[in-house]
Amino acid sequence: MPDLTFEVTAAEIIPFAAVPTLGFKLAITNQVPGELISSISLRCQLQIVAPQRRYGHEEQERLQDVFGIPGRWHETLRNLLWQHINIVVPAFDERITVTLPVTCTYDFEVVSTKYLDALQEGRVPLLFLFSGTIFYQDERQRLQVSRVPWSKEASYRMPVSLWHDMIGHYYPNSAWIRVRKDVFDQLYRYKVEHGQSSWEEALTMLLAQAGQEEVRP
């Protein structure tokens, strides 16, 4: 029966994907000699291990939308689920390296986006939890099936700059927010009525008006 080990060795931006995507290089090694792995239907739960890093003052301020005020972080700071990944690993005998594609949204309603965008420097502690089905041939070349134990995992510390570079590649100097349709309709009417040529101009005018209202006696 195969005894697999998993190691994430590197991460990179996949530049021409349909959506922002990071590729994590995953090395899989079979510790049992003489067995041909025909394929693996591999599942991975990717978590951000937020308690394993320190946060600067500005990062703490921006993360209040995720964990609350820093004074309560001893209660609220926890792992965050980033994504579930499913891939099929092709045949190999002893070792193979495959890419785990992690699609990334820039939707600020998603907790992982809020968290990653708030970070300025350093690394992001990641935890990859594996499961799935292994199809392999034993020494008599008979097809066998076994499971990837739930205990199989791998850690990786991703540079914060890699995520920001990826977002900058796909969305240069921009950000995305999602609003209800009725709110969008009101903003659209405001934009048309005030002759604004872009959403930035409409929002800038609204912010300026809000600032003037705040300082009125």
Protein backbone atom coordinates (compact mmCIF):
# COMPACT_ATOMS: atom_id res chain seq x y z
CA MET A 1 0.00 0.00 0.00
CA PRO A 2 1.44 3.43 -0.93
CA ASP A 3 2.75 5.73 1.77
CA LEU A 4 2.67 9.22 0.31
CA THR A 5 4.33 12.38 1.56
CA PHE A 6 3.42 15.86 0.37
CA GLU A 7 5.60 18.95 0.19
CA VAL A 8 4.74 22.38 -1.23
CA THR A 9 8.00 23.69 -2.67
CA ALA A 10 7.14 26.95 -4.45
CA ALA A 11 4.37 29.26 -5.62
CA GLU A 12 3.97 31.40 -8.73
CA ILE A 13 1.50 33.54 -10.62
CA ILE A 14 -0.24 31.82 -13.53
CA PRO A 15 -0.29 34.80 -15.92
CA PHE A 16 -2.81 33.82 -18.60
CA ALA A 17 -5.59 32.14 -16.62
CA ALA A 18 -9.23 33.18 -17.05
CA VAL A 19 -9.29 34.46 -13.45
CA PRO A 20 -6.49 35.44 -11.05
CA THR A 21 -4.72 32.18 -10.20
CA LEU A 22 -1.75 31.12 -8.12
CA GLY A 23 0.04 27.85 -8.81
CA PHE A 24 1.56 25.95 -5.87
CA LYS A 25 4.18 23.34 -6.74
CA LEU A 26 3.35 20.12 -4.91
CA ALA A 27 5.92 17.32 -4.68
CA ILE A 28 4.41 13.89 -3.96
CA THR A 29 6.68 11.02 -2.96
CA ASN A 30 5.78 7.36 -2.50
CA GLN A 31 7.85 5.91 0.35
CA VAL A 32 7.03 2.32 -0.67
CA PRO A 33 9.29 1.01 -3.51
CA GLY A 34 8.05 -1.20 -6.31
CA GLU A 35 4.57 0.28 -6.65
CA LEU A 36 3.38 2.19 -9.70
CA ILE A 37 0.88 4.92 -8.87
CA SER A 38 -1.61 4.88 -11.74
CA SER A 39 -3.37 8.09 -10.63
CA ILE A 40 -4.60 9.96 -7.60
CA SER A 41 -7.93 11.71 -7.30
CA LEU A 42 -6.57 14.31 -4.90
CA ARG A 43 -8.58 16.71 -2.78
CA CYS A 44 -7.04 19.55 -0.81
CA GLN A 45 -8.44 21.96 1.74
CA LEU A 46 -6.30 25.10 1.83
CA GLN A 47 -6.31 27.12 5.05
CA ILE A 48 -4.67 30.40 6.06
CA VAL A 49 -3.08 29.86 9.47
CA ALA A 50 -3.59 33.44 10.65
CA PRO A 51 -2.40 32.93 14.28
CA GLN A 52 1.10 31.96 13.09
CA ARG A 53 2.25 35.45 12.10
CA ARG A 54 2.59 38.91 13.61
CA TYR A 55 0.72 41.98 12.37
CA GLY A 56 1.79 45.60 12.15
CA HIS A 57 -0.36 48.44 13.46
CA GLU A 58 -1.84 49.33 10.07
CA GLU A 59 -2.50 45.65 9.32
CA GLN A 60 -4.33 45.32 12.64
CA GLU A 61 -6.53 48.29 11.75
CA ARG A 62 -7.43 46.87 8.35
CA LEU A 63 -8.10 43.40 9.81
CA GLN A 64 -10.73 44.63 12.24
CA ASP A 65 -13.29 43.77 9.58
CA VAL A 66 -12.09 40.15 9.82
CA PHE A 67 -11.16 39.54 13.46
CA GLY A 68 -12.59 42.55 15.31
CA ILE A 69 -10.56 44.89 17.51
CA PRO A 70 -7.03 43.65 18.35
CA GLY A 71 -7.90 43.49 22.04
CA ARG A 72 -10.16 40.50 21.27
CA TRP A 73 -7.81 38.69 18.92
CA HIS A 74 -6.93 36.13 21.59
CA GLU A 75 -10.54 34.94 21.07
CA THR A 76 -11.19 35.71 17.42
CA LEU A 77 -7.88 35.10 15.61
CA ARG A 78 -8.29 31.73 13.89
CA ASN A 79 -7.54 29.74 10.74
CA LEU A 80 -9.39 30.88 7.61
CA LEU A 81 -10.60 28.56 4.89
CA TRP A 82 -9.21 29.81 1.60
CA GLN A 83 -10.29 27.18 -0.93
CA HIS A 84 -11.03 23.56 -1.79
CA ILE A 85 -8.91 22.19 -4.66
CA ASN A 86 -9.44 19.02 -6.70
CA ILE A 87 -6.89 17.66 -9.17
CA VAL A 88 -6.03 14.35 -10.84
CA VAL A 89 -2.39 13.37 -10.37
CA PRO A 90 -1.01 11.35 -13.33
CA ALA A 91 0.97 8.12 -13.13
CA PHE A 92 4.36 8.00 -11.40
CA ASP A 93 6.52 5.51 -9.55
CA GLU A 94 8.56 7.25 -6.86
CA ARG A 95 8.06 11.02 -7.08
CA ILE A 96 6.14 13.60 -9.08
CA THR A 97 5.63 17.36 -8.96
CA VAL A 98 2.24 18.80 -9.90
CA THR A 99 0.66 22.25 -9.71
CA LEU A 100 -2.20 23.05 -7.36
CA PRO A 101 -4.18 25.87 -9.01
CA VAL A 102 -5.69 28.31 -6.51
CA THR A 103 -8.14 30.73 -8.09
CA CYS A 104 -8.36 34.07 -6.29
CA THR A 105 -11.30 36.43 -6.18
CA TYR A 106 -11.03 40.17 -5.65
CA ASP A 107 -14.48 40.27 -4.09
CA PHE A 108 -14.20 42.07 -0.74
CA GLU A 109 -17.23 40.18 0.56
CA VAL A 110 -14.91 37.13 0.74
CA VAL A 111 -12.97 36.86 4.01
CA SER A 112 -9.76 35.53 2.42
CA THR A 113 -9.64 38.56 0.10
CA LYS A 114 -10.09 40.99 3.01
CA TYR A 115 -7.33 39.22 4.92
CA LEU A 116 -4.77 39.02 2.12
CA ASP A 117 -5.39 42.58 0.92
CA ALA A 118 -4.80 43.88 4.47
CA LEU A 119 -1.30 42.40 4.70
CA GLN A 120 1.63 44.61 3.71
CA GLU A 121 4.77 42.50 4.05
CA GLY A 122 6.17 39.22 5.29
CA ARG A 123 4.68 35.81 4.57
CA VAL A 124 1.29 34.11 4.81
CA PRO A 125 1.31 30.79 6.73
CA LEU A 126 -0.65 28.23 4.71
CA LEU A 127 -1.81 24.72 5.58
CA PHE A 128 -2.70 22.16 2.89
CA LEU A 129 -4.88 19.28 4.16
CA PHE A 130 -5.07 16.32 1.79
CA SER A 131 -7.51 13.48 1.14
CA GLY A 132 -8.58 11.44 -1.88
CA THR A 133 -8.28 8.10 -3.65
CA ILE A 134 -5.08 6.38 -4.84
CA PHE A 135 -5.11 3.94 -7.77
CA TYR A 136 -1.92 1.87 -7.90
CA GLN A 137 -0.37 -1.41 -9.06
CA ASP A 138 1.17 -3.78 -6.57
CA GLU A 139 4.27 -5.92 -7.18
CA ARG A 140 2.14 -8.37 -9.21
CA GLN A 141 0.82 -5.49 -11.35
CA ARG A 142 -2.68 -5.88 -9.98
CA LEU A 143 -4.74 -2.70 -9.77
CA GLN A 144 -5.42 -1.67 -6.19
CA VAL A 145 -7.28 1.19 -4.53
CA SER A 146 -6.52 2.92 -1.25
CA ARG A 147 -7.28 6.20 0.47
CA VAL A 148 -5.11 9.23 1.18
CA PRO A 149 -5.14 9.40 5.00
CA TRP A 150 -6.71 12.49 6.53
CA SER A 151 -3.48 13.01 8.48
CA LYS A 152 -1.56 13.98 5.32
CA GLU A 153 -0.76 17.69 5.19
CA ALA A 154 1.86 20.23 4.11
CA SER A 155 2.79 23.75 5.19
CA TYR A 156 4.04 26.67 3.14
CA ARG A 157 4.80 30.32 3.91
CA MET A 158 3.73 32.32 0.86
CA PRO A 159 5.25 35.79 0.34
CA VAL A 160 2.60 38.48 0.79
CA SER A 161 4.07 40.26 -2.24
CA LEU A 162 3.11 37.33 -4.47
CA TRP A 163 -0.61 37.84 -3.85
CA HIS A 164 -0.35 41.62 -4.35
CA ASP A 165 1.67 41.13 -7.55
CA MET A 166 -0.97 38.73 -8.87
CA ILE A 167 -3.82 41.15 -8.14
CA GLY A 168 -1.81 43.97 -9.71
CA HIS A 169 -1.28 41.82 -12.81
CA TYR A 170 -4.98 41.08 -13.29
CA TYR A 171 -6.50 44.29 -11.85
CA PRO A 172 -3.91 47.08 -12.20
CA ASN A 173 -4.62 50.03 -9.89
CA SER A 174 -8.22 48.97 -9.27
CA ALA A 175 -10.47 47.21 -6.76
CA TRP A 176 -13.90 45.59 -6.90
CA ILE A 177 -16.87 45.90 -4.58
CA ARG A 178 -20.28 44.22 -4.79
CA VAL A 179 -23.50 46.07 -3.92
CA ARG A 180 -27.20 45.28 -4.04
CA LYS A 181 -28.93 46.01 -7.34
CA ASP A 182 -31.11 48.76 -5.84
CA VAL A 183 -28.00 50.51 -4.45
CA PHE A 184 -26.31 50.22 -7.84
CA ASP A 185 -29.41 51.73 -9.53
CA GLN A 186 -29.31 54.71 -7.16
CA LEU A 187 -25.60 55.22 -7.78
CA TYR A 188 -26.15 54.94 -11.53
CA ARG A 189 -28.90 57.60 -11.43
CA TYR A 190 -26.66 59.87 -9.38
CA LYS A 191 -23.84 59.42 -11.91
CA VAL A 192 -26.10 60.26 -14.87
CA GLU A 193 -27.85 63.21 -13.17
CA HIS A 194 -24.52 64.83 -12.25
CA GLY A 195 -22.94 64.20 -15.64
CA GLN A 196 -20.11 62.08 -14.31
CA SER A 197 -18.17 60.20 -17.00
CA SER A 198 -16.88 57.46 -14.68
CA TRP A 199 -17.76 55.63 -11.47
CA GLU A 200 -14.62 57.07 -9.84
CA GLU A 201 -15.88 60.62 -10.43
CA ALA A 202 -19.30 59.81 -9.01
CA LEU A 203 -17.89 58.16 -5.90
CA THR A 204 -15.34 60.94 -5.40
CA MET A 205 -18.12 63.54 -5.51
CA LEU A 206 -20.19 61.57 -2.99
CA LEU A 207 -17.20 61.23 -0.65
CA ALA A 208 -16.48 64.94 -0.93
CA GLN A 209 -20.09 65.76 -0.09
CA ALA A 210 -20.02 63.38 2.87
CA GLY A 211 -16.84 65.05 4.16
CA GLN A 212 -18.41 68.51 3.93
CA GLU A 213 -21.49 67.31 5.84
CA GLU A 214 -19.30 65.92 8.65
CA VAL A 215 -17.54 69.26 9.28
CA ARG A 216 -20.70 71.38 9.30
CA PRO A 217 -21.48 72.92 12.73
